[in-house]
Amino acid sequence: MNYVIETLTKKKEVDTLIRDTLDKVLVLRFGRSSDSICLQLDDILAKSAQDVSKFASIALVDIDSEDVQVYLKYFDITLIPSTIFFFNAHHMKMDSGTADHTKWIGAFYKKQDFIDVVEAFC
């Protein structure tokens, strides 16, 4: 069973989700639903949603929405898809082998790769 992942288009929706997601990792995918790499990542996220549902929540953020542009600037999102992780409203940083420790850039290749990253934050 695949889960339908909520898509956020307003800054207020993103703010509320970050603030209200407690005791779980919040995964926000910034990208476009028309981009092939974003669609690949979205498929991995949807397939993983049930497996991580006890310790993580997943949402998609549409970067074409005017209202969420502030997040693109704040998190310096220039490449898509970019995945950002939060825990108890705190932005989590990670060492993914790149110079940017604030986000995961690109898609995960396998469902287990994504689950392993999320579990590392728990």
PDB file of N, CA and C in Angstrom:
ATOM      1  N   MET A   1       0.840  -1.180   0.000  1.00  0.00           N
ATOM      2  CA  MET A   1       0.000   0.000   0.000  1.00  0.00           C
ATOM      3  C   MET A   1       0.888   1.248   0.000  1.00  0.00           C
ATOM      4  N   ASN A   2       0.707   2.092  -0.956  1.00  0.00           N
ATOM      5  CA  ASN A   2       1.458   3.345  -1.016  1.00  0.00           C
ATOM      6  C   ASN A   2       0.701   4.437  -0.294  1.00  0.00           C
ATOM      7  N   TYR A   3       1.429   5.273   0.380  1.00  0.00           N
ATOM      8  CA  TYR A   3       0.840   6.415   1.059  1.00  0.00           C
ATOM      9  C   TYR A   3       0.851   7.613   0.119  1.00  0.00           C
ATOM     10  N   VAL A   4      -0.164   8.434   0.230  1.00  0.00           N
ATOM     11  CA  VAL A   4      -0.158   9.697  -0.486  1.00  0.00           C
ATOM     12  C   VAL A   4       0.512  10.705   0.441  1.00  0.00           C
ATOM     13  N   ILE A   5       1.537  11.352  -0.061  1.00  0.00           N
ATOM     14  CA  ILE A   5       2.304  12.276   0.759  1.00  0.00           C
ATOM     15  C   ILE A   5       1.761  13.678   0.550  1.00  0.00           C
ATOM     16  N   GLU A   6       1.543  14.378   1.637  1.00  0.00           N
ATOM     17  CA  GLU A   6       1.004  15.737   1.600  1.00  0.00           C
ATOM     18  C   GLU A   6       1.964  16.679   0.881  1.00  0.00           C
ATOM     19  N   THR A   7       1.397  17.545   0.017  1.00  0.00           N
ATOM     20  CA  THR A   7       2.185  18.557  -0.679  1.00  0.00           C
ATOM     21  C   THR A   7       1.847  19.929  -0.096  1.00  0.00           C
ATOM     22  N   LEU A   8       2.878  20.651   0.312  1.00  0.00           N
ATOM     23  CA  LEU A   8       2.711  21.961   0.926  1.00  0.00           C
ATOM     24  C   LEU A   8       3.045  23.043  -0.097  1.00  0.00           C
ATOM     25  N   THR A   9       2.200  24.076  -0.150  1.00  0.00           N
ATOM     26  CA  THR A   9       2.429  25.162  -1.108  1.00  0.00           C
ATOM     27  C   THR A   9       2.474  26.528  -0.438  1.00  0.00           C
ATOM     28  N   LYS A  10       2.233  26.571   0.851  1.00  0.00           N
ATOM     29  CA  LYS A  10       2.210  27.845   1.573  1.00  0.00           C
ATOM     30  C   LYS A  10       3.215  27.829   2.719  1.00  0.00           C
ATOM     31  N   LYS A  11       3.832  28.976   2.955  1.00  0.00           N
ATOM     32  CA  LYS A  11       4.803  29.113   4.035  1.00  0.00           C
ATOM     33  C   LYS A  11       4.173  28.756   5.380  1.00  0.00           C
ATOM     34  N   LYS A  12       2.937  29.182   5.586  1.00  0.00           N
ATOM     35  CA  LYS A  12       2.256  28.902   6.852  1.00  0.00           C
ATOM     36  C   LYS A  12       2.093  27.390   7.072  1.00  0.00           C
ATOM     37  N   GLU A  13       1.815  26.634   5.999  1.00  0.00           N
ATOM     38  CA  GLU A  13       1.692  25.181   6.129  1.00  0.00           C
ATOM     39  C   GLU A  13       3.026  24.561   6.535  1.00  0.00           C
ATOM     40  N   VAL A  14       4.108  25.031   5.930  1.00  0.00           N
ATOM     41  CA  VAL A  14       5.439  24.512   6.267  1.00  0.00           C
ATOM     42  C   VAL A  14       5.790  24.872   7.708  1.00  0.00           C
ATOM     43  N   ASP A  15       5.554  26.128   8.094  1.00  0.00           N
ATOM     44  CA  ASP A  15       5.841  26.571   9.465  1.00  0.00           C
ATOM     45  C   ASP A  15       5.083  25.725  10.481  1.00  0.00           C
ATOM     46  N   THR A  16       3.813  25.505  10.223  1.00  0.00           N
ATOM     47  CA  THR A  16       2.966  24.740  11.145  1.00  0.00           C
ATOM     48  C   THR A  16       3.453  23.307  11.268  1.00  0.00           C
ATOM     49  N   LEU A  17       3.777  22.685  10.146  1.00  0.00           N
ATOM     50  CA  LEU A  17       4.239  21.299  10.185  1.00  0.00           C
ATOM     51  C   LEU A  17       5.563  21.180  10.933  1.00  0.00           C
ATOM     52  N   ILE A  18       6.483  22.098  10.700  1.00  0.00           N
ATOM     53  CA  ILE A  18       7.767  22.067  11.418  1.00  0.00           C
ATOM     54  C   ILE A  18       7.530  22.228  12.916  1.00  0.00           C
ATOM     55  N   ARG A  19       6.707  23.198  13.282  1.00  0.00           N
ATOM     56  CA  ARG A  19       6.458  23.484  14.699  1.00  0.00           C
ATOM     57  C   ARG A  19       5.699  22.353  15.399  1.00  0.00           C
ATOM     58  N   ASP A  20       4.756  21.726  14.705  1.00  0.00           N
ATOM     59  CA  ASP A  20       3.866  20.759  15.348  1.00  0.00           C
ATOM     60  C   ASP A  20       4.325  19.308  15.275  1.00  0.00           C
ATOM     61  N   THR A  21       5.381  19.020  14.547  1.00  0.00           N
ATOM     62  CA  THR A  21       5.874  17.642  14.470  1.00  0.00           C
ATOM     63  C   THR A  21       6.858  17.420  15.612  1.00  0.00           C
ATOM     64  N   LEU A  22       6.369  16.713  16.629  1.00  0.00           N
ATOM     65  CA  LEU A  22       7.169  16.479  17.835  1.00  0.00           C
ATOM     66  C   LEU A  22       7.498  15.003  17.977  1.00  0.00           C
ATOM     67  N   ASP A  23       8.673  14.726  18.486  1.00  0.00           N
ATOM     68  CA  ASP A  23       9.151  13.366  18.749  1.00  0.00           C
ATOM     69  C   ASP A  23       9.190  12.493  17.500  1.00  0.00           C
ATOM     70  N   LYS A  24       9.266  13.125  16.341  1.00  0.00           N
ATOM     71  CA  LYS A  24       9.416  12.418  15.072  1.00  0.00           C
ATOM     72  C   LYS A  24      10.359  13.226  14.196  1.00  0.00           C
ATOM     73  N   VAL A  25      11.031  12.554  13.303  1.00  0.00           N
ATOM     74  CA  VAL A  25      11.836  13.232  12.292  1.00  0.00           C
ATOM     75  C   VAL A  25      10.867  13.747  11.232  1.00  0.00           C
ATOM     76  N   LEU A  26      11.019  14.988  10.848  1.00  0.00           N
ATOM     77  CA  LEU A  26      10.218  15.558   9.773  1.00  0.00           C
ATOM     78  C   LEU A  26      11.097  15.636   8.528  1.00  0.00           C
ATOM     79  N   VAL A  27      10.622  15.041   7.452  1.00  0.00           N
ATOM     80  CA  VAL A  27      11.351  15.021   6.191  1.00  0.00           C
ATOM     81  C   VAL A  27      10.608  15.923   5.211  1.00  0.00           C
ATOM     82  N   LEU A  28      11.267  16.970   4.743  1.00  0.00           N
ATOM     83  CA  LEU A  28      10.665  17.877   3.762  1.00  0.00           C
ATOM     84  C   LEU A  28      11.448  17.776   2.461  1.00  0.00           C
ATOM     85  N   ARG A  29      10.761  17.354   1.401  1.00  0.00           N
ATOM     86  CA  ARG A  29      11.376  17.288   0.070  1.00  0.00           C
ATOM     87  C   ARG A  29      10.998  18.559  -0.688  1.00  0.00           C
ATOM     88  N   PHE A  30      11.985  19.364  -1.019  1.00  0.00           N
ATOM     89  CA  PHE A  30      11.772  20.570  -1.808  1.00  0.00           C
ATOM     90  C   PHE A  30      12.030  20.225  -3.266  1.00  0.00           C
ATOM     91  N   GLY A  31      11.035  20.463  -4.118  1.00  0.00           N
ATOM     92  CA  GLY A  31      11.207  20.157  -5.530  1.00  0.00           C
ATOM     93  C   GLY A  31       9.951  20.450  -6.326  1.00  0.00           C
ATOM     94  N   ARG A  32       9.902  19.892  -7.542  1.00  0.00           N
ATOM     95  CA  ARG A  32       8.766  20.075  -8.461  1.00  0.00           C
ATOM     96  C   ARG A  32       8.186  18.709  -8.809  1.00  0.00           C
ATOM     97  N   SER A  33       6.882  18.647  -8.898  1.00  0.00           N
ATOM     98  CA  SER A  33       6.239  17.386  -9.267  1.00  0.00           C
ATOM     99  C   SER A  33       6.426  17.067 -10.746  1.00  0.00           C
ATOM    100  N   SER A  34       6.929  18.015 -11.532  1.00  0.00           N
ATOM    101  CA  SER A  34       7.147  17.783 -12.958  1.00  0.00           C
ATOM    102  C   SER A  34       8.575  17.337 -13.272  1.00  0.00           C
ATOM    103  N   ASP A  35       9.448  17.320 -12.285  1.00  0.00           N
ATOM    104  CA  ASP A  35      10.846  16.953 -12.480  1.00  0.00           C
ATOM    105  C   ASP A  35      11.016  15.442 -12.323  1.00  0.00           C
ATOM    106  N   SER A  36      11.707  14.799 -13.255  1.00  0.00           N
ATOM    107  CA  SER A  36      11.829  13.337 -13.238  1.00  0.00           C
ATOM    108  C   SER A  36      12.598  12.825 -12.019  1.00  0.00           C
ATOM    109  N   ILE A  37      13.625  13.549 -11.580  1.00  0.00           N
ATOM    110  CA  ILE A  37      14.377  13.101 -10.396  1.00  0.00           C
ATOM    111  C   ILE A  37      13.522  13.267  -9.145  1.00  0.00           C
ATOM    112  N   CYS A  38      12.737  14.340  -9.081  1.00  0.00           N
ATOM    113  CA  CYS A  38      11.817  14.521  -7.953  1.00  0.00           C
ATOM    114  C   CYS A  38      10.789  13.390  -7.916  1.00  0.00           C
ATOM    115  N   LEU A  39      10.291  12.993  -9.078  1.00  0.00           N
ATOM    116  CA  LEU A  39       9.320  11.893  -9.139  1.00  0.00           C
ATOM    117  C   LEU A  39       9.945  10.582  -8.677  1.00  0.00           C
ATOM    118  N   GLN A  40      11.210  10.366  -9.017  1.00  0.00           N
ATOM    119  CA  GLN A  40      11.913   9.172  -8.547  1.00  0.00           C
ATOM    120  C   GLN A  40      12.020   9.197  -7.019  1.00  0.00           C
ATOM    121  N   LEU A  41      12.388  10.337  -6.474  1.00  0.00           N
ATOM    122  CA  LEU A  41      12.495  10.478  -5.024  1.00  0.00           C
ATOM    123  C   LEU A  41      11.130  10.332  -4.367  1.00  0.00           C
ATOM    124  N   ASP A  42      10.107  10.949  -4.957  1.00  0.00           N
ATOM    125  CA  ASP A  42       8.759  10.852  -4.401  1.00  0.00           C
ATOM    126  C   ASP A  42       8.289   9.404  -4.325  1.00  0.00           C
ATOM    127  N   ASP A  43       8.651   8.604  -5.320  1.00  0.00           N
ATOM    128  CA  ASP A  43       8.296   7.188  -5.314  1.00  0.00           C
ATOM    129  C   ASP A  43       8.967   6.472  -4.148  1.00  0.00           C
ATOM    130  N   ILE A  44      10.241   6.755  -3.923  1.00  0.00           N
ATOM    131  CA  ILE A  44      10.972   6.159  -2.787  1.00  0.00           C
ATOM    132  C   ILE A  44      10.338   6.597  -1.467  1.00  0.00           C
ATOM    133  N   LEU A  45      10.004   7.890  -1.353  1.00  0.00           N
ATOM    134  CA  LEU A  45       9.393   8.410  -0.121  1.00  0.00           C
ATOM    135  C   LEU A  45       8.041   7.757   0.125  1.00  0.00           C
ATOM    136  N   ALA A  46       7.231   7.619  -0.918  1.00  0.00           N
ATOM    137  CA  ALA A  46       5.898   7.015  -0.763  1.00  0.00           C
ATOM    138  C   ALA A  46       6.011   5.544  -0.357  1.00  0.00           C
ATOM    139  N   LYS A  47       6.955   4.836  -0.943  1.00  0.00           N
ATOM    140  CA  LYS A  47       7.146   3.423  -0.598  1.00  0.00           C
ATOM    141  C   LYS A  47       7.683   3.260   0.821  1.00  0.00           C
ATOM    142  N   SER A  48       8.380   4.252   1.317  1.00  0.00           N
ATOM    143  CA  SER A  48       8.983   4.187   2.653  1.00  0.00           C
ATOM    144  C   SER A  48       8.076   4.728   3.748  1.00  0.00           C
ATOM    145  N   ALA A  49       7.049   5.464   3.390  1.00  0.00           N
ATOM    146  CA  ALA A  49       6.230   6.186   4.370  1.00  0.00           C
ATOM    147  C   ALA A  49       5.673   5.276   5.455  1.00  0.00           C
ATOM    148  N   GLN A  50       5.166   4.121   5.090  1.00  0.00           N
ATOM    149  CA  GLN A  50       4.603   3.231   6.098  1.00  0.00           C
ATOM    150  C   GLN A  50       5.696   2.675   7.018  1.00  0.00           C
ATOM    151  N   ASP A  51       6.854   2.352   6.440  1.00  0.00           N
ATOM    152  CA  ASP A  51       7.942   1.774   7.238  1.00  0.00           C
ATOM    153  C   ASP A  51       8.506   2.748   8.267  1.00  0.00           C
ATOM    154  N   VAL A  52       8.477   4.040   7.962  1.00  0.00           N
ATOM    155  CA  VAL A  52       9.041   5.039   8.880  1.00  0.00           C
ATOM    156  C   VAL A  52       7.972   5.799   9.662  1.00  0.00           C
ATOM    157  N   SER A  53       6.710   5.443   9.488  1.00  0.00           N
ATOM    158  CA  SER A  53       5.603   6.220  10.061  1.00  0.00           C
ATOM    159  C   SER A  53       5.642   6.326  11.585  1.00  0.00           C
ATOM    160  N   LYS A  54       6.263   5.392  12.283  1.00  0.00           N
ATOM    161  CA  LYS A  54       6.320   5.461  13.740  1.00  0.00           C
ATOM    162  C   LYS A  54       7.341   6.477  14.237  1.00  0.00           C
ATOM    163  N   PHE A  55       8.324   6.794  13.407  1.00  0.00           N
ATOM    164  CA  PHE A  55       9.375   7.713  13.855  1.00  0.00           C
ATOM    165  C   PHE A  55       9.662   8.860  12.890  1.00  0.00           C
ATOM    166  N   ALA A  56       8.885   8.966  11.798  1.00  0.00           N
ATOM    167  CA  ALA A  56       9.120  10.059  10.849  1.00  0.00           C
ATOM    168  C   ALA A  56       7.835  10.437  10.121  1.00  0.00           C
ATOM    169  N   SER A  57       7.754  11.700   9.735  1.00  0.00           N
ATOM    170  CA  SER A  57       6.680  12.218   8.899  1.00  0.00           C
ATOM    171  C   SER A  57       7.321  12.808   7.651  1.00  0.00           C
ATOM    172  N   ILE A  58       6.633  12.650   6.524  1.00  0.00           N
ATOM    173  CA  ILE A  58       7.181  13.099   5.242  1.00  0.00           C
ATOM    174  C   ILE A  58       6.200  14.059   4.586  1.00  0.00           C
ATOM    175  N   ALA A  59       6.725  15.138   4.008  1.00  0.00           N
ATOM    176  CA  ALA A  59       5.903  16.081   3.244  1.00  0.00           C
ATOM    177  C   ALA A  59       6.719  16.595   2.065  1.00  0.00           C
ATOM    178  N   LEU A  60       6.007  16.985   1.023  1.00  0.00           N
ATOM    179  CA  LEU A  60       6.630  17.545  -0.172  1.00  0.00           C
ATOM    180  C   LEU A  60       6.368  19.039  -0.183  1.00  0.00           C
ATOM    181  N   VAL A  61       7.353  19.820  -0.567  1.00  0.00           N
ATOM    182  CA  VAL A  61       7.195  21.267  -0.654  1.00  0.00           C
ATOM    183  C   VAL A  61       7.389  21.662  -2.116  1.00  0.00           C
ATOM    184  N   ASP A  62       6.362  22.286  -2.686  1.00  0.00           N
ATOM    185  CA  ASP A  62       6.391  22.724  -4.079  1.00  0.00           C
ATOM    186  C   ASP A  62       7.159  24.034  -4.173  1.00  0.00           C
ATOM    187  N   ILE A  63       8.332  24.008  -4.801  1.00  0.00           N
ATOM    188  CA  ILE A  63       9.186  25.201  -4.842  1.00  0.00           C
ATOM    189  C   ILE A  63       8.690  26.255  -5.825  1.00  0.00           C
ATOM    190  N   ASP A  64       7.737  25.902  -6.671  1.00  0.00           N
ATOM    191  CA  ASP A  64       7.201  26.882  -7.622  1.00  0.00           C
ATOM    192  C   ASP A  64       6.184  27.813  -6.984  1.00  0.00           C
ATOM    193  N   SER A  65       5.787  27.512  -5.774  1.00  0.00           N
ATOM    194  CA  SER A  65       4.852  28.370  -5.056  1.00  0.00           C
ATOM    195  C   SER A  65       5.581  29.627  -4.566  1.00  0.00           C
ATOM    196  N   GLU A  66       5.017  30.766  -4.851  1.00  0.00           N
ATOM    197  CA  GLU A  66       5.621  32.052  -4.447  1.00  0.00           C
ATOM    198  C   GLU A  66       5.795  32.138  -2.933  1.00  0.00           C
ATOM    199  N   ASP A  67       4.881  31.523  -2.212  1.00  0.00           N
ATOM    200  CA  ASP A  67       4.841  31.671  -0.766  1.00  0.00           C
ATOM    201  C   ASP A  67       5.987  30.956  -0.044  1.00  0.00           C
ATOM    202  N   VAL A  68       6.605  29.953  -0.658  1.00  0.00           N
ATOM    203  CA  VAL A  68       7.667  29.210   0.028  1.00  0.00           C
ATOM    204  C   VAL A  68       9.072  29.632  -0.413  1.00  0.00           C
ATOM    205  N   GLN A  69       9.175  30.677  -1.195  1.00  0.00           N
ATOM    206  CA  GLN A  69      10.471  31.152  -1.683  1.00  0.00           C
ATOM    207  C   GLN A  69      11.412  31.532  -0.541  1.00  0.00           C
ATOM    208  N   VAL A  70      10.859  31.958   0.583  1.00  0.00           N
ATOM    209  CA  VAL A  70      11.693  32.324   1.730  1.00  0.00           C
ATOM    210  C   VAL A  70      12.523  31.125   2.196  1.00  0.00           C
ATOM    211  N   TYR A  71      11.970  29.918   2.111  1.00  0.00           N
ATOM    212  CA  TYR A  71      12.711  28.720   2.519  1.00  0.00           C
ATOM    213  C   TYR A  71      13.822  28.391   1.526  1.00  0.00           C
ATOM    214  N   LEU A  72      13.585  28.649   0.259  1.00  0.00           N
ATOM    215  CA  LEU A  72      14.621  28.394  -0.746  1.00  0.00           C
ATOM    216  C   LEU A  72      15.845  29.260  -0.476  1.00  0.00           C
ATOM    217  N   LYS A  73      15.597  30.502  -0.083  1.00  0.00           N
ATOM    218  CA  LYS A  73      16.707  31.408   0.241  1.00  0.00           C
ATOM    219  C   LYS A  73      17.356  31.025   1.565  1.00  0.00           C
ATOM    220  N   TYR A  74      16.540  30.739   2.578  1.00  0.00           N
ATOM    221  CA  TYR A  74      17.055  30.444   3.909  1.00  0.00           C
ATOM    222  C   TYR A  74      17.932  29.188   3.914  1.00  0.00           C
ATOM    223  N   PHE A  75      17.482  28.139   3.217  1.00  0.00           N
ATOM    224  CA  PHE A  75      18.236  26.882   3.185  1.00  0.00           C
ATOM    225  C   PHE A  75      19.159  26.778   1.981  1.00  0.00           C
ATOM    226  N   ASP A  76      19.267  27.859   1.207  1.00  0.00           N
ATOM    227  CA  ASP A  76      20.136  27.908   0.035  1.00  0.00           C
ATOM    228  C   ASP A  76      19.872  26.728  -0.908  1.00  0.00           C
ATOM    229  N   ILE A  77      18.607  26.567  -1.257  1.00  0.00           N
ATOM    230  CA  ILE A  77      18.215  25.489  -2.158  1.00  0.00           C
ATOM    231  C   ILE A  77      18.349  25.974  -3.592  1.00  0.00           C
ATOM    232  N   THR A  78      19.374  25.477  -4.245  1.00  0.00           N
ATOM    233  CA  THR A  78      19.607  25.829  -5.646  1.00  0.00           C
ATOM    234  C   THR A  78      19.488  24.598  -6.538  1.00  0.00           C
ATOM    235  N   LEU A  79      19.673  23.423  -5.978  1.00  0.00           N
ATOM    236  CA  LEU A  79      19.539  22.176  -6.720  1.00  0.00           C
ATOM    237  C   LEU A  79      18.329  21.413  -6.210  1.00  0.00           C
ATOM    238  N   ILE A  80      17.593  20.793  -7.132  1.00  0.00           N
ATOM    239  CA  ILE A  80      16.432  20.006  -6.722  1.00  0.00           C
ATOM    240  C   ILE A  80      16.592  18.581  -7.223  1.00  0.00           C
ATOM    241  N   PRO A  81      16.042  17.638  -6.494  1.00  0.00           N
ATOM    242  CA  PRO A  81      15.369  17.810  -5.215  1.00  0.00           C
ATOM    243  C   PRO A  81      16.373  17.974  -4.073  1.00  0.00           C
ATOM    244  N   SER A  82      15.945  18.697  -3.074  1.00  0.00           N
ATOM    245  CA  SER A  82      16.704  18.850  -1.835  1.00  0.00           C
ATOM    246  C   SER A  82      15.814  18.390  -0.693  1.00  0.00           C
ATOM    247  N   THR A  83      16.358  17.562   0.170  1.00  0.00           N
ATOM    248  CA  THR A  83      15.597  17.016   1.286  1.00  0.00           C
ATOM    249  C   THR A  83      16.198  17.534   2.581  1.00  0.00           C
ATOM    250  N   ILE A  84      15.334  18.105   3.418  1.00  0.00           N
ATOM    251  CA  ILE A  84      15.779  18.696   4.679  1.00  0.00           C
ATOM    252  C   ILE A  84      15.103  17.949   5.824  1.00  0.00           C
ATOM    253  N   PHE A  85      15.837  17.748   6.901  1.00  0.00           N
ATOM    254  CA  PHE A  85      15.350  16.979   8.042  1.00  0.00           C
ATOM    255  C   PHE A  85      15.252  17.867   9.272  1.00  0.00           C
ATOM    256  N   PHE A  86      14.179  17.657  10.058  1.00  0.00           N
ATOM    257  CA  PHE A  86      13.963  18.375  11.306  1.00  0.00           C
ATOM    258  C   PHE A  86      13.634  17.367  12.396  1.00  0.00           C
ATOM    259  N   PHE A  87      13.947  17.723  13.629  1.00  0.00           N
ATOM    260  CA  PHE A  87      13.506  16.948  14.791  1.00  0.00           C
ATOM    261  C   PHE A  87      13.138  17.941  15.875  1.00  0.00           C
ATOM    262  N   ASN A  88      11.912  17.865  16.344  1.00  0.00           N
ATOM    263  CA  ASN A  88      11.387  18.788  17.352  1.00  0.00           C
ATOM    264  C   ASN A  88      11.645  20.243  16.965  1.00  0.00           C
ATOM    265  N   ALA A  89      11.339  20.567  15.727  1.00  0.00           N
ATOM    266  CA  ALA A  89      11.436  21.919  15.164  1.00  0.00           C
ATOM    267  C   ALA A  89      12.871  22.422  15.026  1.00  0.00           C
ATOM    268  N   HIS A  90      13.848  21.533  15.133  1.00  0.00           N
ATOM    269  CA  HIS A  90      15.245  21.903  14.955  1.00  0.00           C
ATOM    270  C   HIS A  90      15.762  21.303  13.657  1.00  0.00           C
ATOM    271  N   HIS A  91      16.388  22.138  12.866  1.00  0.00           N
ATOM    272  CA  HIS A  91      16.969  21.700  11.607  1.00  0.00           C
ATOM    273  C   HIS A  91      18.144  20.776  11.913  1.00  0.00           C
ATOM    274  N   MET A  92      18.095  19.576  11.371  1.00  0.00           N
ATOM    275  CA  MET A  92      19.152  18.598  11.610  1.00  0.00           C
ATOM    276  C   MET A  92      20.175  18.674  10.483  1.00  0.00           C
ATOM    277  N   LYS A  93      21.437  18.639  10.848  1.00  0.00           N
ATOM    278  CA  LYS A  93      22.506  18.658   9.864  1.00  0.00           C
ATOM    279  C   LYS A  93      23.162  17.275   9.821  1.00  0.00           C
ATOM    280  N   MET A  94      23.762  16.969   8.673  1.00  0.00           N
ATOM    281  CA  MET A  94      24.347  15.639   8.513  1.00  0.00           C
ATOM    282  C   MET A  94      25.582  15.709   7.626  1.00  0.00           C
ATOM    283  N   ASP A  95      26.427  14.736   7.766  1.00  0.00           N
ATOM    284  CA  ASP A  95      27.598  14.627   6.903  1.00  0.00           C
ATOM    285  C   ASP A  95      27.284  13.551   5.872  1.00  0.00           C
ATOM    286  N   SER A  96      26.955  13.988   4.664  1.00  0.00           N
ATOM    287  CA  SER A  96      26.606  13.046   3.601  1.00  0.00           C
ATOM    288  C   SER A  96      27.732  12.895   2.590  1.00  0.00           C
ATOM    289  N   GLY A  97      28.915  13.357   2.953  1.00  0.00           N
ATOM    290  CA  GLY A  97      30.054  13.246   2.070  1.00  0.00           C
ATOM    291  C   GLY A  97      30.178  14.400   1.091  1.00  0.00           C
ATOM    292  N   THR A  98      29.344  15.423   1.272  1.00  0.00           N
ATOM    293  CA  THR A  98      29.425  16.610   0.424  1.00  0.00           C
ATOM    294  C   THR A  98      29.778  17.807   1.306  1.00  0.00           C
ATOM    295  N   ALA A  99      30.050  18.916   0.675  1.00  0.00           N
ATOM    296  CA  ALA A  99      30.392  20.124   1.432  1.00  0.00           C
ATOM    297  C   ALA A  99      29.175  20.716   2.139  1.00  0.00           C
ATOM    298  N   ASP A 100      27.986  20.401   1.674  1.00  0.00           N
ATOM    299  CA  ASP A 100      26.753  20.944   2.250  1.00  0.00           C
ATOM    300  C   ASP A 100      26.207  19.980   3.298  1.00  0.00           C
ATOM    301  N   HIS A 101      26.247  20.375   4.566  1.00  0.00           N
ATOM    302  CA  HIS A 101      25.770  19.525   5.663  1.00  0.00           C
ATOM    303  C   HIS A 101      24.342  19.861   6.082  1.00  0.00           C
ATOM    304  N   THR A 102      23.657  20.721   5.324  1.00  0.00           N
ATOM    305  CA  THR A 102      22.331  21.171   5.740  1.00  0.00           C
ATOM    306  C   THR A 102      21.192  20.413   5.071  1.00  0.00           C
ATOM    307  N   LYS A 103      21.501  19.653   4.020  1.00  0.00           N
ATOM    308  CA  LYS A 103      20.434  18.978   3.282  1.00  0.00           C
ATOM    309  C   LYS A 103      20.996  17.827   2.462  1.00  0.00           C
ATOM    310  N   TRP A 104      20.086  16.949   2.041  1.00  0.00           N
ATOM    311  CA  TRP A 104      20.425  15.868   1.116  1.00  0.00           C
ATOM    312  C   TRP A 104      20.022  16.355  -0.267  1.00  0.00           C
ATOM    313  N   ILE A 105      20.941  16.337  -1.210  1.00  0.00           N
ATOM    314  CA  ILE A 105      20.659  16.807  -2.568  1.00  0.00           C
ATOM    315  C   ILE A 105      20.569  15.598  -3.488  1.00  0.00           C
ATOM    316  N   GLY A 106      19.495  15.541  -4.284  1.00  0.00           N
ATOM    317  CA  GLY A 106      19.288  14.445  -5.221  1.00  0.00           C
ATOM    318  C   GLY A 106      18.355  13.403  -4.647  1.00  0.00           C
ATOM    319  N   ALA A 107      18.233  12.320  -5.372  1.00  0.00           N
ATOM    320  CA  ALA A 107      17.319  11.249  -4.965  1.00  0.00           C
ATOM    321  C   ALA A 107      18.078  10.155  -4.227  1.00  0.00           C
ATOM    322  N   PHE A 108      17.346   9.371  -3.458  1.00  0.00           N
ATOM    323  CA  PHE A 108      17.876   8.150  -2.876  1.00  0.00           C
ATOM    324  C   PHE A 108      17.672   7.066  -3.924  1.00  0.00           C
ATOM    325  N   TYR A 109      18.589   6.135  -4.034  1.00  0.00           N
ATOM    326  CA  TYR A 109      18.479   5.119  -5.071  1.00  0.00           C
ATOM    327  C   TYR A 109      17.628   3.935  -4.659  1.00  0.00           C
ATOM    328  N   LYS A 110      17.616   3.660  -3.355  1.00  0.00           N
ATOM    329  CA  LYS A 110      16.820   2.551  -2.847  1.00  0.00           C
ATOM    330  C   LYS A 110      16.050   3.011  -1.614  1.00  0.00           C
ATOM    331  N   LYS A 111      14.958   2.338  -1.375  1.00  0.00           N
ATOM    332  CA  LYS A 111      14.121   2.620  -0.211  1.00  0.00           C
ATOM    333  C   LYS A 111      14.940   2.504   1.077  1.00  0.00           C
ATOM    334  N   GLN A 112      15.773   1.480   1.170  1.00  0.00           N
ATOM    335  CA  GLN A 112      16.556   1.262   2.391  1.00  0.00           C
ATOM    336  C   GLN A 112      17.566   2.374   2.625  1.00  0.00           C
ATOM    337  N   ASP A 113      18.090   2.985   1.568  1.00  0.00           N
ATOM    338  CA  ASP A 113      19.011   4.117   1.727  1.00  0.00           C
ATOM    339  C   ASP A 113      18.329   5.257   2.469  1.00  0.00           C
ATOM    340  N   PHE A 114      17.104   5.565   2.069  1.00  0.00           N
ATOM    341  CA  PHE A 114      16.340   6.624   2.735  1.00  0.00           C
ATOM    342  C   PHE A 114      16.051   6.258   4.185  1.00  0.00           C
ATOM    343  N   ILE A 115      15.597   5.046   4.410  1.00  0.00           N
ATOM    344  CA  ILE A 115      15.263   4.608   5.775  1.00  0.00           C
ATOM    345  C   ILE A 115      16.497   4.687   6.676  1.00  0.00           C
ATOM    346  N   ASP A 116      17.653   4.313   6.169  1.00  0.00           N
ATOM    347  CA  ASP A 116      18.893   4.376   6.953  1.00  0.00           C
ATOM    348  C   ASP A 116      19.234   5.794   7.366  1.00  0.00           C
ATOM    349  N   VAL A 117      19.040   6.752   6.460  1.00  0.00           N
ATOM    350  CA  VAL A 117      19.315   8.152   6.793  1.00  0.00           C
ATOM    351  C   VAL A 117      18.361   8.644   7.862  1.00  0.00           C
ATOM    352  N   VAL A 118      17.082   8.339   7.720  1.00  0.00           N
ATOM    353  CA  VAL A 118      16.088   8.783   8.708  1.00  0.00           C
ATOM    354  C   VAL A 118      16.372   8.155  10.068  1.00  0.00           C
ATOM    355  N   GLU A 119      16.702   6.872  10.088  1.00  0.00           N
ATOM    356  CA  GLU A 119      17.003   6.198  11.353  1.00  0.00           C
ATOM    357  C   GLU A 119      18.218   6.810  12.048  1.00  0.00           C
ATOM    358  N   ALA A 120      19.146   7.343  11.303  1.00  0.00           N
ATOM    359  CA  ALA A 120      20.336   7.963  11.886  1.00  0.00           C
ATOM    360  C   ALA A 120      19.973   9.182  12.729  1.00  0.00           C
ATOM    361  N   PHE A 121      18.849   9.829  12.441  1.00  0.00           N
ATOM    362  CA  PHE A 121      18.419  10.988  13.205  1.00  0.00           C
ATOM    363  C   PHE A 121      17.657  10.612  14.466  1.00  0.00           C
ATOM    364  N   CYS A 122      17.231   9.374  14.577  1.00  0.00           N
ATOM    365  CA  CYS A 122      16.434   8.948  15.750  1.00  0.00           C
ATOM    366  C   CYS A 122      17.290   8.637  16.950  1.00  0.00           C
TER     367      CYS A 122
END
